[in-house]
Amino acid sequence: MNAGTIIANGQAIRTAVPCTIEVFLQRQGLLPRSVVVEHNGDAVAPSEFAGRQLKEGDRLEIVTIVAGG
């Protein structure tokens, strides 16, 4: 693995790449089941997080799901 940059919510984050979305989220302290993710403009189902590879320069939009009533 090499160090690379992923753009998450407009912020450049240095991380080891390639890695999966699931691993990236965990490195950021996020629970994969508590977020919605868009990868390079495509919505990604949570069931795909473990299989979707990130590489240098990829863009993520990550939204945390908040439950309440």
PDB file of N, CA and C in Angstrom:
ATOM      1  N   MET A   1       0.836  -1.190   0.000  1.00  0.00           N
ATOM      2  CA  MET A   1       0.000   0.000   0.000  1.00  0.00           C
ATOM      3  C   MET A   1       0.873   1.242   0.000  1.00  0.00           C
ATOM      4  N   ASN A   2       0.366   2.272  -0.590  1.00  0.00           N
ATOM      5  CA  ASN A   2       1.045   3.560  -0.639  1.00  0.00           C
ATOM      6  C   ASN A   2       0.169   4.597   0.044  1.00  0.00           C
ATOM      7  N   ALA A   3       0.787   5.675   0.498  1.00  0.00           N
ATOM      8  CA  ALA A   3       0.015   6.784   1.032  1.00  0.00           C
ATOM      9  C   ALA A   3      -0.578   7.549  -0.143  1.00  0.00           C
ATOM     10  N   GLY A   4      -1.823   7.923  -0.005  1.00  0.00           N
ATOM     11  CA  GLY A   4      -2.495   8.669  -1.055  1.00  0.00           C
ATOM     12  C   GLY A   4      -3.478   9.638  -0.435  1.00  0.00           C
ATOM     13  N   THR A   5      -4.123  10.408  -1.282  1.00  0.00           N
ATOM     14  CA  THR A   5      -5.086  11.396  -0.805  1.00  0.00           C
ATOM     15  C   THR A   5      -6.470  11.052  -1.323  1.00  0.00           C
ATOM     16  N   ILE A   6      -7.429  11.019  -0.406  1.00  0.00           N
ATOM     17  CA  ILE A   6      -8.847  10.862  -0.724  1.00  0.00           C
ATOM     18  C   ILE A   6      -9.501  12.190  -0.361  1.00  0.00           C
ATOM     19  N   ILE A   7     -10.393  12.673  -1.205  1.00  0.00           N
ATOM     20  CA  ILE A   7     -11.118  13.908  -0.906  1.00  0.00           C
ATOM     21  C   ILE A   7     -12.457  13.496  -0.292  1.00  0.00           C
ATOM     22  N   ALA A   8     -12.627  13.774   1.000  1.00  0.00           N
ATOM     23  CA  ALA A   8     -13.858  13.419   1.703  1.00  0.00           C
ATOM     24  C   ALA A   8     -14.548  14.693   2.165  1.00  0.00           C
ATOM     25  N   ASN A   9     -15.763  14.918   1.660  1.00  0.00           N
ATOM     26  CA  ASN A   9     -16.531  16.123   1.990  1.00  0.00           C
ATOM     27  C   ASN A   9     -15.707  17.386   1.743  1.00  0.00           C
ATOM     28  N   GLY A  10     -14.951  17.368   0.648  1.00  0.00           N
ATOM     29  CA  GLY A  10     -14.172  18.531   0.244  1.00  0.00           C
ATOM     30  C   GLY A  10     -12.834  18.692   0.947  1.00  0.00           C
ATOM     31  N   GLN A  11     -12.497  17.782   1.851  1.00  0.00           N
ATOM     32  CA  GLN A  11     -11.249  17.858   2.613  1.00  0.00           C
ATOM     33  C   GLN A  11     -10.296  16.763   2.160  1.00  0.00           C
ATOM     34  N   ALA A  12      -9.046  17.123   1.894  1.00  0.00           N
ATOM     35  CA  ALA A  12      -8.034  16.143   1.507  1.00  0.00           C
ATOM     36  C   ALA A  12      -7.583  15.372   2.739  1.00  0.00           C
ATOM     37  N   ILE A  13      -7.673  14.045   2.663  1.00  0.00           N
ATOM     38  CA  ILE A  13      -7.274  13.183   3.766  1.00  0.00           C
ATOM     39  C   ILE A  13      -6.225  12.211   3.262  1.00  0.00           C
ATOM     40  N   ARG A  14      -5.047  12.216   3.914  1.00  0.00           N
ATOM     41  CA  ARG A  14      -3.983  11.264   3.569  1.00  0.00           C
ATOM     42  C   ARG A  14      -4.288   9.938   4.228  1.00  0.00           C
ATOM     43  N   THR A  15      -4.195   8.862   3.461  1.00  0.00           N
ATOM     44  CA  THR A  15      -4.466   7.530   3.978  1.00  0.00           C
ATOM     45  C   THR A  15      -3.752   6.504   3.119  1.00  0.00           C
ATOM     46  N   ALA A  16      -3.668   5.286   3.607  1.00  0.00           N
ATOM     47  CA  ALA A  16      -3.073   4.204   2.816  1.00  0.00           C
ATOM     48  C   ALA A  16      -4.076   3.773   1.754  1.00  0.00           C
ATOM     49  N   VAL A  17      -3.634   3.746   0.504  1.00  0.00           N
ATOM     50  CA  VAL A  17      -4.486   3.297  -0.603  1.00  0.00           C
ATOM     51  C   VAL A  17      -3.737   2.241  -1.403  1.00  0.00           C
ATOM     52  N   PRO A  18      -4.415   1.336  -2.074  1.00  0.00           N
ATOM     53  CA  PRO A  18      -5.863   1.228  -2.098  1.00  0.00           C
ATOM     54  C   PRO A  18      -6.407   0.704  -0.779  1.00  0.00           C
ATOM     55  N   CYS A  19      -7.667   1.049  -0.510  1.00  0.00           N
ATOM     56  CA  CYS A  19      -8.386   0.508   0.632  1.00  0.00           C
ATOM     57  C   CYS A  19      -9.861   0.515   0.268  1.00  0.00           C
ATOM     58  N   THR A  20     -10.656  -0.187   1.039  1.00  0.00           N
ATOM     59  CA  THR A  20     -12.097  -0.206   0.771  1.00  0.00           C
ATOM     60  C   THR A  20     -12.761   0.982   1.467  1.00  0.00           C
ATOM     61  N   ILE A  21     -13.973   1.291   1.042  1.00  0.00           N
ATOM     62  CA  ILE A  21     -14.742   2.345   1.704  1.00  0.00           C
ATOM     63  C   ILE A  21     -14.922   1.977   3.176  1.00  0.00           C
ATOM     64  N   GLU A  22     -15.204   0.721   3.457  1.00  0.00           N
ATOM     65  CA  GLU A  22     -15.404   0.284   4.836  1.00  0.00           C
ATOM     66  C   GLU A  22     -14.172   0.580   5.697  1.00  0.00           C
ATOM     67  N   VAL A  23     -12.995   0.220   5.210  1.00  0.00           N
ATOM     68  CA  VAL A  23     -11.752   0.466   5.954  1.00  0.00           C
ATOM     69  C   VAL A  23     -11.527   1.969   6.120  1.00  0.00           C
ATOM     70  N   PHE A  24     -11.744   2.739   5.077  1.00  0.00           N
ATOM     71  CA  PHE A  24     -11.565   4.194   5.161  1.00  0.00           C
ATOM     72  C   PHE A  24     -12.475   4.783   6.230  1.00  0.00           C
ATOM     73  N   LEU A  25     -13.748   4.389   6.239  1.00  0.00           N
ATOM     74  CA  LEU A  25     -14.688   4.899   7.233  1.00  0.00           C
ATOM     75  C   LEU A  25     -14.223   4.560   8.643  1.00  0.00           C
ATOM     76  N   GLN A  26     -13.781   3.316   8.836  1.00  0.00           N
ATOM     77  CA  GLN A  26     -13.310   2.903  10.155  1.00  0.00           C
ATOM     78  C   GLN A  26     -12.096   3.721  10.586  1.00  0.00           C
ATOM     79  N   ARG A  27     -11.189   4.003   9.663  1.00  0.00           N
ATOM     80  CA  ARG A  27     -10.012   4.825   9.980  1.00  0.00           C
ATOM     81  C   ARG A  27     -10.412   6.238  10.404  1.00  0.00           C
ATOM     82  N   GLN A  28     -11.556   6.698   9.909  1.00  0.00           N
ATOM     83  CA  GLN A  28     -12.041   8.034  10.255  1.00  0.00           C
ATOM     84  C   GLN A  28     -12.905   8.019  11.513  1.00  0.00           C
ATOM     85  N   GLY A  29     -13.059   6.844  12.120  1.00  0.00           N
ATOM     86  CA  GLY A  29     -13.854   6.729  13.343  1.00  0.00           C
ATOM     87  C   GLY A  29     -15.346   6.702  13.095  1.00  0.00           C
ATOM     88  N   LEU A  30     -15.737   6.333  11.872  1.00  0.00           N
ATOM     89  CA  LEU A  30     -17.158   6.273  11.516  1.00  0.00           C
ATOM     90  C   LEU A  30     -17.625   4.827  11.435  1.00  0.00           C
ATOM     91  N   LEU A  31     -18.822   4.584  11.902  1.00  0.00           N
ATOM     92  CA  LEU A  31     -19.418   3.258  11.772  1.00  0.00           C
ATOM     93  C   LEU A  31     -20.047   3.158  10.387  1.00  0.00           C
ATOM     94  N   PRO A  32     -19.644   2.177   9.579  1.00  0.00           N
ATOM     95  CA  PRO A  32     -20.184   2.066   8.223  1.00  0.00           C
ATOM     96  C   PRO A  32     -21.711   2.021   8.160  1.00  0.00           C
ATOM     97  N   ARG A  33     -22.356   1.458   9.165  1.00  0.00           N
ATOM     98  CA  ARG A  33     -23.819   1.368   9.121  1.00  0.00           C
ATOM     99  C   ARG A  33     -24.515   2.677   9.495  1.00  0.00           C
ATOM    100  N   SER A  34     -23.732   3.698   9.902  1.00  0.00           N
ATOM    101  CA  SER A  34     -24.342   4.956  10.337  1.00  0.00           C
ATOM    102  C   SER A  34     -24.151   6.098   9.342  1.00  0.00           C
ATOM    103  N   VAL A  35     -23.693   5.765   8.117  1.00  0.00           N
ATOM    104  CA  VAL A  35     -23.447   6.812   7.127  1.00  0.00           C
ATOM    105  C   VAL A  35     -24.014   6.437   5.758  1.00  0.00           C
ATOM    106  N   VAL A  36     -24.205   7.462   4.939  1.00  0.00           N
ATOM    107  CA  VAL A  36     -24.553   7.312   3.528  1.00  0.00           C
ATOM    108  C   VAL A  36     -23.347   7.840   2.759  1.00  0.00           C
ATOM    109  N   VAL A  37     -22.926   7.102   1.717  1.00  0.00           N
ATOM    110  CA  VAL A  37     -21.705   7.467   0.998  1.00  0.00           C
ATOM    111  C   VAL A  37     -21.961   7.596  -0.502  1.00  0.00           C
ATOM    112  N   GLU A  38     -21.359   8.639  -1.074  1.00  0.00           N
ATOM    113  CA  GLU A  38     -21.313   8.814  -2.524  1.00  0.00           C
ATOM    114  C   GLU A  38     -19.837   8.750  -2.910  1.00  0.00           C
ATOM    115  N   HIS A  39     -19.511   7.895  -3.882  1.00  0.00           N
ATOM    116  CA  HIS A  39     -18.125   7.681  -4.325  1.00  0.00           C
ATOM    117  C   HIS A  39     -18.004   8.159  -5.758  1.00  0.00           C
ATOM    118  N   ASN A  40     -17.234   9.200  -5.972  1.00  0.00           N
ATOM    119  CA  ASN A  40     -17.049   9.778  -7.313  1.00  0.00           C
ATOM    120  C   ASN A  40     -18.384  10.033  -8.007  1.00  0.00           C
ATOM    121  N   GLY A  41     -19.360  10.522  -7.232  1.00  0.00           N
ATOM    122  CA  GLY A  41     -20.658  10.887  -7.793  1.00  0.00           C
ATOM    123  C   GLY A  41     -21.690   9.787  -7.814  1.00  0.00           C
ATOM    124  N   ASP A  42     -21.319   8.574  -7.447  1.00  0.00           N
ATOM    125  CA  ASP A  42     -22.254   7.450  -7.443  1.00  0.00           C
ATOM    126  C   ASP A  42     -22.627   7.066  -6.021  1.00  0.00           C
ATOM    127  N   ALA A  43     -23.931   6.934  -5.749  1.00  0.00           N
ATOM    128  CA  ALA A  43     -24.375   6.462  -4.439  1.00  0.00           C
ATOM    129  C   ALA A  43     -23.912   5.024  -4.265  1.00  0.00           C
ATOM    130  N   VAL A  44     -23.449   4.682  -3.065  1.00  0.00           N
ATOM    131  CA  VAL A  44     -22.940   3.347  -2.786  1.00  0.00           C
ATOM    132  C   VAL A  44     -23.796   2.718  -1.687  1.00  0.00           C
ATOM    133  N   ALA A  45     -24.333   1.542  -1.952  1.00  0.00           N
ATOM    134  CA  ALA A  45     -25.108   0.818  -0.949  1.00  0.00           C
ATOM    135  C   ALA A  45     -24.173   0.329   0.147  1.00  0.00           C
ATOM    136  N   PRO A  46     -24.619   0.351   1.402  1.00  0.00           N
ATOM    137  CA  PRO A  46     -23.770  -0.129   2.502  1.00  0.00           C
ATOM    138  C   PRO A  46     -23.241  -1.548   2.274  1.00  0.00           C
ATOM    139  N   SER A  47     -23.991  -2.366   1.581  1.00  0.00           N
ATOM    140  CA  SER A  47     -23.542  -3.738   1.311  1.00  0.00           C
ATOM    141  C   SER A  47     -22.324  -3.773   0.387  1.00  0.00           C
ATOM    142  N   GLU A  48     -22.027  -2.642  -0.292  1.00  0.00           N
ATOM    143  CA  GLU A  48     -20.887  -2.563  -1.204  1.00  0.00           C
ATOM    144  C   GLU A  48     -19.639  -1.960  -0.559  1.00  0.00           C
ATOM    145  N   PHE A  49     -19.746  -1.433   0.670  1.00  0.00           N
ATOM    146  CA  PHE A  49     -18.615  -0.741   1.309  1.00  0.00           C
ATOM    147  C   PHE A  49     -17.383  -1.632   1.403  1.00  0.00           C
ATOM    148  N   ALA A  50     -17.567  -2.908   1.724  1.00  0.00           N
ATOM    149  CA  ALA A  50     -16.428  -3.808   1.925  1.00  0.00           C
ATOM    150  C   ALA A  50     -15.749  -4.193   0.613  1.00  0.00           C
ATOM    151  N   GLY A  51     -16.441  -4.020  -0.515  1.00  0.00           N
ATOM    152  CA  GLY A  51     -15.888  -4.426  -1.794  1.00  0.00           C
ATOM    153  C   GLY A  51     -15.472  -3.286  -2.702  1.00  0.00           C
ATOM    154  N   ARG A  52     -15.876  -2.075  -2.388  1.00  0.00           N
ATOM    155  CA  ARG A  52     -15.583  -0.915  -3.245  1.00  0.00           C
ATOM    156  C   ARG A  52     -14.222  -0.349  -2.874  1.00  0.00           C
ATOM    157  N   GLN A  53     -13.289  -0.386  -3.827  1.00  0.00           N
ATOM    158  CA  GLN A  53     -11.920   0.074  -3.607  1.00  0.00           C
ATOM    159  C   GLN A  53     -11.785   1.575  -3.857  1.00  0.00           C
ATOM    160  N   LEU A  54     -11.036   2.230  -2.984  1.00  0.00           N
ATOM    161  CA  LEU A  54     -10.684   3.632  -3.162  1.00  0.00           C
ATOM    162  C   LEU A  54      -9.249   3.721  -3.650  1.00  0.00           C
ATOM    163  N   LYS A  55      -9.003   4.701  -4.497  1.00  0.00           N
ATOM    164  CA  LYS A  55      -7.637   4.923  -4.975  1.00  0.00           C
ATOM    165  C   LYS A  55      -7.325   6.411  -4.891  1.00  0.00           C
ATOM    166  N   GLU A  56      -6.072   6.740  -5.080  1.00  0.00           N
ATOM    167  CA  GLU A  56      -5.587   8.119  -5.030  1.00  0.00           C
ATOM    168  C   GLU A  56      -6.509   9.056  -5.812  1.00  0.00           C
ATOM    169  N   GLY A  57      -6.926  10.150  -5.164  1.00  0.00           N
ATOM    170  CA  GLY A  57      -7.719  11.179  -5.836  1.00  0.00           C
ATOM    171  C   GLY A  57      -9.217  10.941  -5.851  1.00  0.00           C
ATOM    172  N   ASP A  58      -9.679   9.787  -5.362  1.00  0.00           N
ATOM    173  CA  ASP A  58     -11.124   9.542  -5.331  1.00  0.00           C
ATOM    174  C   ASP A  58     -11.809  10.557  -4.427  1.00  0.00           C
ATOM    175  N   ARG A  59     -13.095  10.789  -4.736  1.00  0.00           N
ATOM    176  CA  ARG A  59     -13.887  11.744  -3.966  1.00  0.00           C
ATOM    177  C   ARG A  59     -15.031  11.024  -3.275  1.00  0.00           C
ATOM    178  N   LEU A  60     -15.209  11.339  -1.996  1.00  0.00           N
ATOM    179  CA  LEU A  60     -16.313  10.787  -1.221  1.00  0.00           C
ATOM    180  C   LEU A  60     -17.129  11.927  -0.634  1.00  0.00           C
ATOM    181  N   GLU A  61     -18.421  11.735  -0.618  1.00  0.00           N
ATOM    182  CA  GLU A  61     -19.315  12.589   0.167  1.00  0.00           C
ATOM    183  C   GLU A  61     -19.906  11.642   1.207  1.00  0.00           C
ATOM    184  N   ILE A  62     -19.734  11.988   2.465  1.00  0.00           N
ATOM    185  CA  ILE A  62     -20.168  11.132   3.563  1.00  0.00           C
ATOM    186  C   ILE A  62     -21.150  11.918   4.425  1.00  0.00           C
ATOM    187  N   VAL A  63     -22.339  11.352   4.608  1.00  0.00           N
ATOM    188  CA  VAL A  63     -23.370  11.991   5.425  1.00  0.00           C
ATOM    189  C   VAL A  63     -23.702  11.038   6.564  1.00  0.00           C
ATOM    190  N   THR A  64     -23.633  11.553   7.786  1.00  0.00           N
ATOM    191  CA  THR A  64     -23.970  10.744   8.954  1.00  0.00           C
ATOM    192  C   THR A  64     -25.476  10.718   9.134  1.00  0.00           C
ATOM    193  N   ILE A  65     -26.002   9.525   9.351  1.00  0.00           N
ATOM    194  CA  ILE A  65     -27.441   9.344   9.572  1.00  0.00           C
ATOM    195  C   ILE A  65     -27.717   9.641  11.047  1.00  0.00           C
ATOM    196  N   VAL A  66     -28.684  10.498  11.278  1.00  0.00           N
ATOM    197  CA  VAL A  66     -29.062  10.837  12.651  1.00  0.00           C
ATOM    198  C   VAL A  66     -30.505  10.405  12.860  1.00  0.00           C
ATOM    199  N   ALA A  67     -30.719   9.546  13.847  1.00  0.00           N
ATOM    200  CA  ALA A  67     -32.072   9.088  14.170  1.00  0.00           C
ATOM    201  C   ALA A  67     -32.608   9.939  15.313  1.00  0.00           C
ATOM    202  N   GLY A  68     -33.872  10.160  15.287  1.00  0.00           N
ATOM    203  CA  GLY A  68     -34.477  10.937  16.360  1.00  0.00           C
ATOM    204  C   GLY A  68     -35.963  11.070  16.126  1.00  0.00           C
ATOM    205  N   GLY A  69     -36.595  11.695  17.039  1.00  0.00           N
ATOM    206  CA  GLY A  69     -38.037  11.816  16.875  1.00  0.00           C
ATOM    207  C   GLY A  69     -38.609  12.969  17.616  1.00  0.00           C
TER     208      GLY A  69
END
